[in-house]
Amino acid sequence: MRILTVALQKDGELVPTSFELIEAAKSLGGEIITLILAENAQPLAEQLSSRGGGKVIAISNPALKYFNDEIYVNVISEIIKKYSPELVLGPATFYGKALFSRLAAKNGGKMASDINGLKLDNDTVVVSRPNFGGSVISDIVKNGEGSFFATLRPKIIPESQDGNGEVVTEEISATAFESKTEIKEMKIESAGAVNLTEADIVVSAGRGLKDASNLMLVKDLADSLKAAFGASRAIVDAGWTEYANQVGQTGKTVNPKLYIAVGISGAIQHLVGMRSSQTIVAINKDKDAPIFNVSNYGIVGDALEVVPALSAKFKKELS
């Protein structure tokens, strides 16, 4: 089997999910090809090669400095046409989802988005993904001719750490770099905000806070730790916070060094998105809450009293 993983970069730095894709490809065996597009792709390709990227194709062009899905689709399609991979893997990130939907359509391939697992069954690729709000996990089988496209949820699979590879370059037609859109600069929408999926510390809030106005207590705790703010599906559905903050089966998967769950009972849909965290601290007044079953440390108490005390302590110690 020939597998093409599409690594992505931001501001000239590889996105960590690029290495997760390589590890996913390794689990299937076969020939691994990794593609990286950038203004200067050579140093990024060398990193990918040293961490198991197999044959790493480096495509450099000034038009690739910023993500432009039209150009990316054109360039990647030329690589797909030349190498004819059975499986094309990309990250289920904001850019990855925008890219792969167009990529699959342009190349007439089948696609599964937001997968959380993949395997081989008698030489046939089988991927799994959540449906119906995460209450059902479906297996999707690749059949027929052509490439199968899939986007992998971040933080589901560990990053590939090592492996042998080689860096190669390919000739791409000049027309592939043409676009009706010119991107002159990229700006962060929320200055200073910590990326939820990349954060070393995540502090998440749940229904136990009783009211949306109490979210500020949790956000203050997150700020004191320079952490990302997360949320359970219950309070997102209630309109307390944006979907972008949701952690869980139908939200984001996180894998921080420290995860603090405040007022979260621990439904399985939420646990799926955070249980791989290195250290989990739960704060809940219900001593029998399921969240304590996966926690390294637990505080049984009213979050409205515990959280402000923790924030004050951290501000004092970390200032």
Protein backbone atom coordinates (compact mmCIF):
# COMPACT_ATOMS: atom_id res chain seq x y z
CA MET A 1 0.00 0.00 0.00
CA ARG A 2 1.18 3.50 -0.83
CA ILE A 3 0.16 6.17 1.67
CA LEU A 4 0.54 9.90 1.11
CA THR A 5 0.50 12.09 4.22
CA VAL A 6 0.08 15.82 3.70
CA ALA A 7 2.08 17.73 6.31
CA LEU A 8 1.10 21.33 7.00
CA GLN A 9 3.12 24.30 8.19
CA LYS A 10 2.27 27.62 9.77
CA ASP A 11 4.65 30.59 9.76
CA GLY A 12 7.40 28.32 8.46
CA GLU A 13 7.01 25.81 11.31
CA LEU A 14 5.58 22.31 11.00
CA VAL A 15 2.19 21.77 12.59
CA PRO A 16 2.55 18.97 15.23
CA THR A 17 -0.26 16.95 13.63
CA SER A 18 2.09 16.35 10.69
CA PHE A 19 4.02 13.84 12.82
CA GLU A 20 0.79 12.22 14.03
CA LEU A 21 -0.12 11.50 10.40
CA ILE A 22 3.21 9.75 9.89
CA GLU A 23 2.63 7.56 12.95
CA ALA A 24 -0.85 6.70 11.65
CA ALA A 25 0.65 5.72 8.30
CA LYS A 26 3.25 3.58 10.06
CA SER A 27 0.48 1.59 11.76
CA LEU A 28 -0.78 0.45 8.36
CA GLY A 29 2.60 -0.51 6.94
CA GLY A 30 3.44 -0.10 3.30
CA GLU A 31 5.21 2.74 1.53
CA ILE A 32 4.98 6.15 3.19
CA ILE A 33 5.26 9.36 1.19
CA THR A 34 5.08 12.72 2.97
CA LEU A 35 4.43 15.98 1.18
CA ILE A 36 5.29 19.42 2.56
CA LEU A 37 4.51 22.73 0.83
CA ALA A 38 6.17 25.95 1.98
CA GLU A 39 8.03 29.02 0.82
CA ASN A 40 11.19 27.12 1.79
CA ALA A 41 10.22 23.50 2.32
CA GLN A 42 13.70 21.93 2.48
CA PRO A 43 14.40 22.30 6.25
CA LEU A 44 10.87 21.17 7.08
CA ALA A 45 11.27 18.15 4.82
CA GLU A 46 14.46 17.19 6.62
CA GLN A 47 12.62 17.23 9.95
CA LEU A 48 9.89 15.00 8.53
CA SER A 49 12.45 12.65 7.05
CA SER A 50 14.27 12.23 10.35
CA ARG A 51 11.01 11.30 12.07
CA GLY A 52 9.81 8.55 9.80
CA GLY A 53 8.29 10.45 6.88
CA GLY A 54 9.62 7.97 4.32
CA LYS A 55 10.02 9.61 0.93
CA VAL A 56 9.49 13.28 1.77
CA ILE A 57 8.60 15.49 -1.17
CA ALA A 58 9.56 19.12 -0.64
CA ILE A 59 7.77 21.70 -2.78
CA SER A 60 9.08 25.26 -2.35
CA ASN A 61 7.55 28.36 -3.89
CA PRO A 62 6.83 31.93 -2.69
CA ALA A 63 3.14 31.28 -3.41
CA LEU A 64 3.16 28.65 -0.63
CA LYS A 65 4.13 31.02 2.18
CA TYR A 66 0.50 31.24 3.29
CA PHE A 67 -2.19 28.60 3.07
CA ASN A 68 -4.23 28.98 -0.11
CA ASP A 69 -6.47 25.95 -0.67
CA GLU A 70 -6.74 26.59 -4.41
CA ILE A 71 -2.96 26.45 -4.90
CA TYR A 72 -2.50 23.62 -2.41
CA VAL A 73 -5.12 21.50 -4.19
CA ASN A 74 -3.50 22.08 -7.58
CA VAL A 75 0.00 21.18 -6.35
CA ILE A 76 -1.05 18.15 -4.31
CA SER A 77 -3.19 16.87 -7.19
CA GLU A 78 -0.11 16.75 -9.41
CA ILE A 79 1.66 14.63 -6.79
CA ILE A 80 -1.37 12.34 -6.47
CA LYS A 81 -1.51 11.89 -10.23
CA LYS A 82 2.17 10.89 -10.34
CA TYR A 83 2.29 8.57 -7.32
CA SER A 84 -1.31 7.19 -7.27
CA PRO A 85 -1.53 6.61 -3.49
CA GLU A 86 -4.24 4.30 -2.20
CA LEU A 87 -4.68 6.46 0.90
CA VAL A 88 -4.19 10.22 1.37
CA LEU A 89 -4.06 11.40 5.01
CA GLY A 90 -4.37 14.94 6.33
CA PRO A 91 -5.17 16.62 9.65
CA ALA A 92 -8.76 17.41 10.66
CA THR A 93 -7.79 20.98 11.46
CA PHE A 94 -9.33 24.20 10.14
CA TYR A 95 -7.01 24.24 7.14
CA GLY A 96 -6.96 20.47 6.70
CA LYS A 97 -10.74 20.20 6.43
CA ALA A 98 -10.92 23.04 3.92
CA LEU A 99 -8.16 21.44 1.86
CA PHE A 100 -9.26 17.81 1.79
CA SER A 101 -12.87 18.40 0.77
CA ARG A 102 -11.66 20.17 -2.36
CA LEU A 103 -8.83 17.70 -2.87
CA ALA A 104 -11.14 14.67 -2.83
CA ALA A 105 -13.60 16.37 -5.17
CA LYS A 106 -10.92 17.37 -7.68
CA ASN A 107 -9.43 13.87 -7.75
CA GLY A 108 -12.71 11.97 -7.78
CA GLY A 109 -11.88 10.16 -4.57
CA LYS A 110 -13.91 8.92 -1.64
CA MET A 111 -13.48 10.75 1.66
CA ALA A 112 -13.98 10.29 5.39
CA SER A 113 -13.55 13.35 7.59
CA ASP A 114 -12.62 13.69 11.25
CA ILE A 115 -11.60 10.07 11.74
CA ASN A 116 -10.38 8.86 15.12
CA GLY A 117 -8.95 5.50 14.11
CA LEU A 118 -7.75 3.47 11.15
CA LYS A 119 -6.66 -0.10 10.49
CA LEU A 120 -6.20 -2.73 7.81
CA ASP A 121 -8.70 -5.57 7.44
CA ASN A 122 -7.54 -8.11 4.85
CA ASP A 123 -5.56 -5.42 3.04
CA THR A 124 -8.58 -3.10 3.04
CA VAL A 125 -8.39 0.29 4.80
CA VAL A 126 -11.04 0.74 7.49
CA VAL A 127 -11.42 4.09 9.27
CA SER A 128 -13.68 5.00 12.19
CA ARG A 129 -15.42 8.27 12.91
CA PRO A 130 -18.10 9.59 15.31
CA ASN A 131 -21.70 10.08 14.20
CA PHE A 132 -24.96 11.25 15.79
CA GLY A 133 -23.31 13.51 18.34
CA GLY A 134 -20.67 10.96 19.22
CA SER A 135 -23.15 8.31 20.36
CA VAL A 136 -22.25 6.05 17.43
CA ILE A 137 -18.80 5.19 16.04
CA SER A 138 -19.00 4.12 12.41
CA ASP A 139 -16.51 2.05 10.44
CA ILE A 140 -16.00 3.21 6.86
CA VAL A 141 -14.40 0.84 4.37
CA LYS A 142 -12.35 1.92 1.39
CA ASN A 143 -13.49 0.08 -1.71
CA GLY A 144 -13.27 0.58 -5.44
CA GLU A 145 -10.56 2.24 -7.44
CA GLY A 146 -8.86 5.56 -6.84
CA SER A 147 -7.47 7.25 -3.76
CA PHE A 148 -9.23 7.26 -0.39
CA PHE A 149 -8.97 10.61 1.42
CA ALA A 150 -9.21 10.94 5.21
CA THR A 151 -8.63 13.68 7.77
CA LEU A 152 -7.37 12.54 11.18
CA ARG A 153 -8.40 14.15 14.44
CA PRO A 154 -5.45 15.80 16.20
CA LYS A 155 -4.11 14.27 19.43
CA ILE A 156 -5.65 10.84 18.76
CA ILE A 157 -2.37 9.22 17.73
CA PRO A 158 1.07 10.05 19.21
CA GLU A 159 3.65 11.85 17.11
CA SER A 160 6.20 9.82 15.17
CA GLN A 161 9.56 10.35 16.84
CA ASP A 162 12.06 8.64 14.59
CA GLY A 163 12.57 6.68 11.40
CA ASN A 164 14.52 6.74 8.18
CA GLY A 165 13.62 8.75 5.13
CA GLU A 166 14.86 10.68 2.16
CA VAL A 167 14.08 14.14 0.83
CA VAL A 168 13.23 14.52 -2.84
CA THR A 169 11.95 17.34 -5.01
CA GLU A 170 9.39 17.22 -7.80
CA GLU A 171 8.77 19.49 -10.74
CA ILE A 172 5.39 21.21 -10.51
CA SER A 173 3.83 23.11 -13.40
CA ALA A 174 3.92 26.90 -13.08
CA THR A 175 0.14 27.13 -13.57
CA ALA A 176 -0.40 25.15 -10.34
CA PHE A 177 0.83 28.15 -8.34
CA GLU A 178 -1.65 30.54 -9.93
CA SER A 179 -4.71 31.65 -8.00
CA LYS A 180 -7.51 34.17 -8.23
CA THR A 181 -6.83 34.98 -4.59
CA GLU A 182 -3.74 36.72 -3.26
CA ILE A 183 -2.99 36.36 0.44
CA LYS A 184 -0.81 39.21 1.68
CA GLU A 185 -0.67 38.47 5.41
CA MET A 186 -2.11 36.31 8.16
CA LYS A 187 -3.34 37.62 11.49
CA ILE A 188 -4.33 35.84 14.69
CA GLU A 189 -8.02 36.44 15.33
CA SER A 190 -7.73 36.43 19.13
CA ALA A 191 -4.43 37.93 20.14
CA GLY A 192 -2.88 36.21 23.11
CA ALA A 193 -5.32 33.29 23.14
CA VAL A 194 -3.78 29.86 23.80
CA ASN A 195 -4.53 27.25 21.11
CA LEU A 196 -6.67 24.56 22.71
CA THR A 197 -5.28 21.58 20.81
CA GLU A 198 -1.65 22.62 21.24
CA ALA A 199 -1.71 23.81 24.87
CA ASP A 200 0.39 22.18 27.60
CA ILE A 201 -2.30 23.09 30.16
CA VAL A 202 -6.07 23.06 29.60
CA VAL A 203 -8.71 24.21 32.08
CA SER A 204 -12.23 23.14 31.14
CA ALA A 205 -15.62 24.09 32.54
CA GLY A 206 -18.85 22.11 32.83
CA ARG A 207 -22.44 22.31 34.04
CA GLY A 208 -21.34 22.22 37.66
CA LEU A 209 -20.67 25.96 37.44
CA LYS A 210 -24.46 26.45 37.52
CA ASP A 211 -24.54 29.65 35.45
CA ALA A 212 -22.77 31.12 32.43
CA SER A 213 -21.65 34.12 34.46
CA ASN A 214 -19.43 31.82 36.53
CA LEU A 215 -17.32 30.89 33.50
CA MET A 216 -15.16 33.92 34.26
CA LEU A 217 -13.89 32.08 37.34
CA VAL A 218 -12.58 29.23 35.18
CA LYS A 219 -11.18 31.60 32.55
CA ASP A 220 -9.38 33.48 35.32
CA LEU A 221 -7.86 30.20 36.53
CA ALA A 222 -6.77 29.42 32.97
CA ASP A 223 -5.19 32.85 32.63
CA SER A 224 -3.29 32.43 35.90
CA LEU A 225 -1.72 29.24 34.50
CA LYS A 226 -1.30 30.61 30.95
CA ALA A 227 -3.56 27.76 29.93
CA ALA A 228 -6.16 27.20 27.22
CA PHE A 229 -9.85 27.37 28.11
CA GLY A 230 -12.02 24.38 27.28
CA ALA A 231 -15.64 23.40 27.82
CA SER A 232 -17.94 20.40 27.98
CA ARG A 233 -20.56 19.86 25.30
CA ALA A 234 -23.34 20.55 27.84
CA ILE A 235 -22.41 24.21 28.30
CA VAL A 236 -21.69 24.69 24.60
CA ASP A 237 -25.18 23.37 23.77
CA ALA A 238 -26.56 25.67 26.47
CA GLY A 239 -25.00 28.65 24.71
CA TRP A 240 -22.60 29.53 27.53
CA THR A 241 -19.54 29.48 25.26
CA GLU A 242 -18.49 28.89 21.66
CA TYR A 243 -18.18 25.50 19.99
CA ALA A 244 -14.50 26.27 19.33
CA ASN A 245 -13.88 25.63 23.05
CA GLN A 246 -15.59 22.21 23.17
CA VAL A 247 -13.53 19.22 24.28
CA GLY A 248 -14.81 15.74 23.60
CA GLN A 249 -16.05 13.26 21.03
CA THR A 250 -17.76 15.92 18.93
CA GLY A 251 -15.36 18.71 19.85
CA LYS A 252 -11.58 18.86 20.04
CA THR A 253 -9.24 16.17 21.31
CA VAL A 254 -6.57 17.48 23.66
CA ASN A 255 -3.49 15.86 25.12
CA PRO A 256 -1.91 18.40 27.49
CA LYS A 257 0.57 17.84 30.29
CA LEU A 258 -2.12 19.06 32.73
CA TYR A 259 -5.92 18.95 32.32
CA ILE A 260 -8.14 20.55 34.97
CA ALA A 261 -11.83 19.63 34.77
CA VAL A 262 -14.04 22.05 36.68
CA GLY A 263 -17.64 21.01 37.33
CA ILE A 264 -17.52 18.30 34.65
CA SER A 265 -19.25 15.02 35.53
CA GLY A 266 -17.26 12.91 33.09
CA ALA A 267 -19.60 11.60 30.40
CA ILE A 268 -17.86 9.19 28.03
CA GLN A 269 -18.19 11.68 25.14
CA HIS A 270 -16.06 14.17 27.10
CA LEU A 271 -13.56 11.60 28.36
CA VAL A 272 -12.75 10.50 24.80
CA GLY A 273 -11.41 13.99 24.11
CA MET A 274 -9.12 14.37 27.14
CA ARG A 275 -8.42 11.07 28.91
CA SER A 276 -4.94 10.78 27.31
CA SER A 277 -3.79 13.92 29.18
CA GLN A 278 -0.65 13.28 31.22
CA THR A 279 -2.12 14.56 34.51
CA ILE A 280 -5.84 15.08 35.15
CA VAL A 281 -7.22 17.09 38.06
CA ALA A 282 -10.97 17.04 38.68
CA ILE A 283 -12.96 19.52 40.76
CA ASN A 284 -16.51 18.39 41.49
CA LYS A 285 -18.79 18.46 44.51
CA ASP A 286 -20.14 14.98 43.65
CA LYS A 287 -17.64 12.47 45.04
CA ASP A 288 -19.14 9.76 42.80
CA ALA A 289 -18.77 11.71 39.54
CA PRO A 290 -17.28 9.49 36.78
CA ILE A 291 -14.56 12.08 36.11
CA PHE A 292 -12.78 10.94 39.27
CA ASN A 293 -12.29 7.48 37.76
CA VAL A 294 -9.83 8.87 35.21
CA SER A 295 -8.30 11.59 37.38
CA ASN A 296 -4.86 11.56 38.95
CA TYR A 297 -6.01 14.05 41.58
CA GLY A 298 -9.50 14.99 42.74
CA ILE A 299 -10.91 17.85 44.76
CA VAL A 300 -14.39 17.21 46.16
CA GLY A 301 -15.92 20.61 46.74
CA ASP A 302 -17.90 23.51 45.35
CA ALA A 303 -16.11 24.82 42.26
CA LEU A 304 -17.34 28.34 43.02
CA GLU A 305 -15.22 28.25 46.18
CA VAL A 306 -12.31 26.06 45.08
CA VAL A 307 -11.51 27.77 41.76
CA PRO A 308 -11.07 31.34 43.09
CA ALA A 309 -8.80 29.99 45.83
CA LEU A 310 -6.66 28.16 43.28
CA SER A 311 -6.47 31.21 41.04
CA ALA A 312 -5.31 33.39 43.92
CA LYS A 313 -2.67 30.82 44.90
CA PHE A 314 -1.32 30.43 41.36
CA LYS A 315 -1.21 34.19 40.75
CA LYS A 316 0.80 34.62 43.93
CA GLU A 317 3.21 31.74 43.25
CA LEU A 318 3.68 32.32 39.52
CA SER A 319 3.87 36.11 39.50
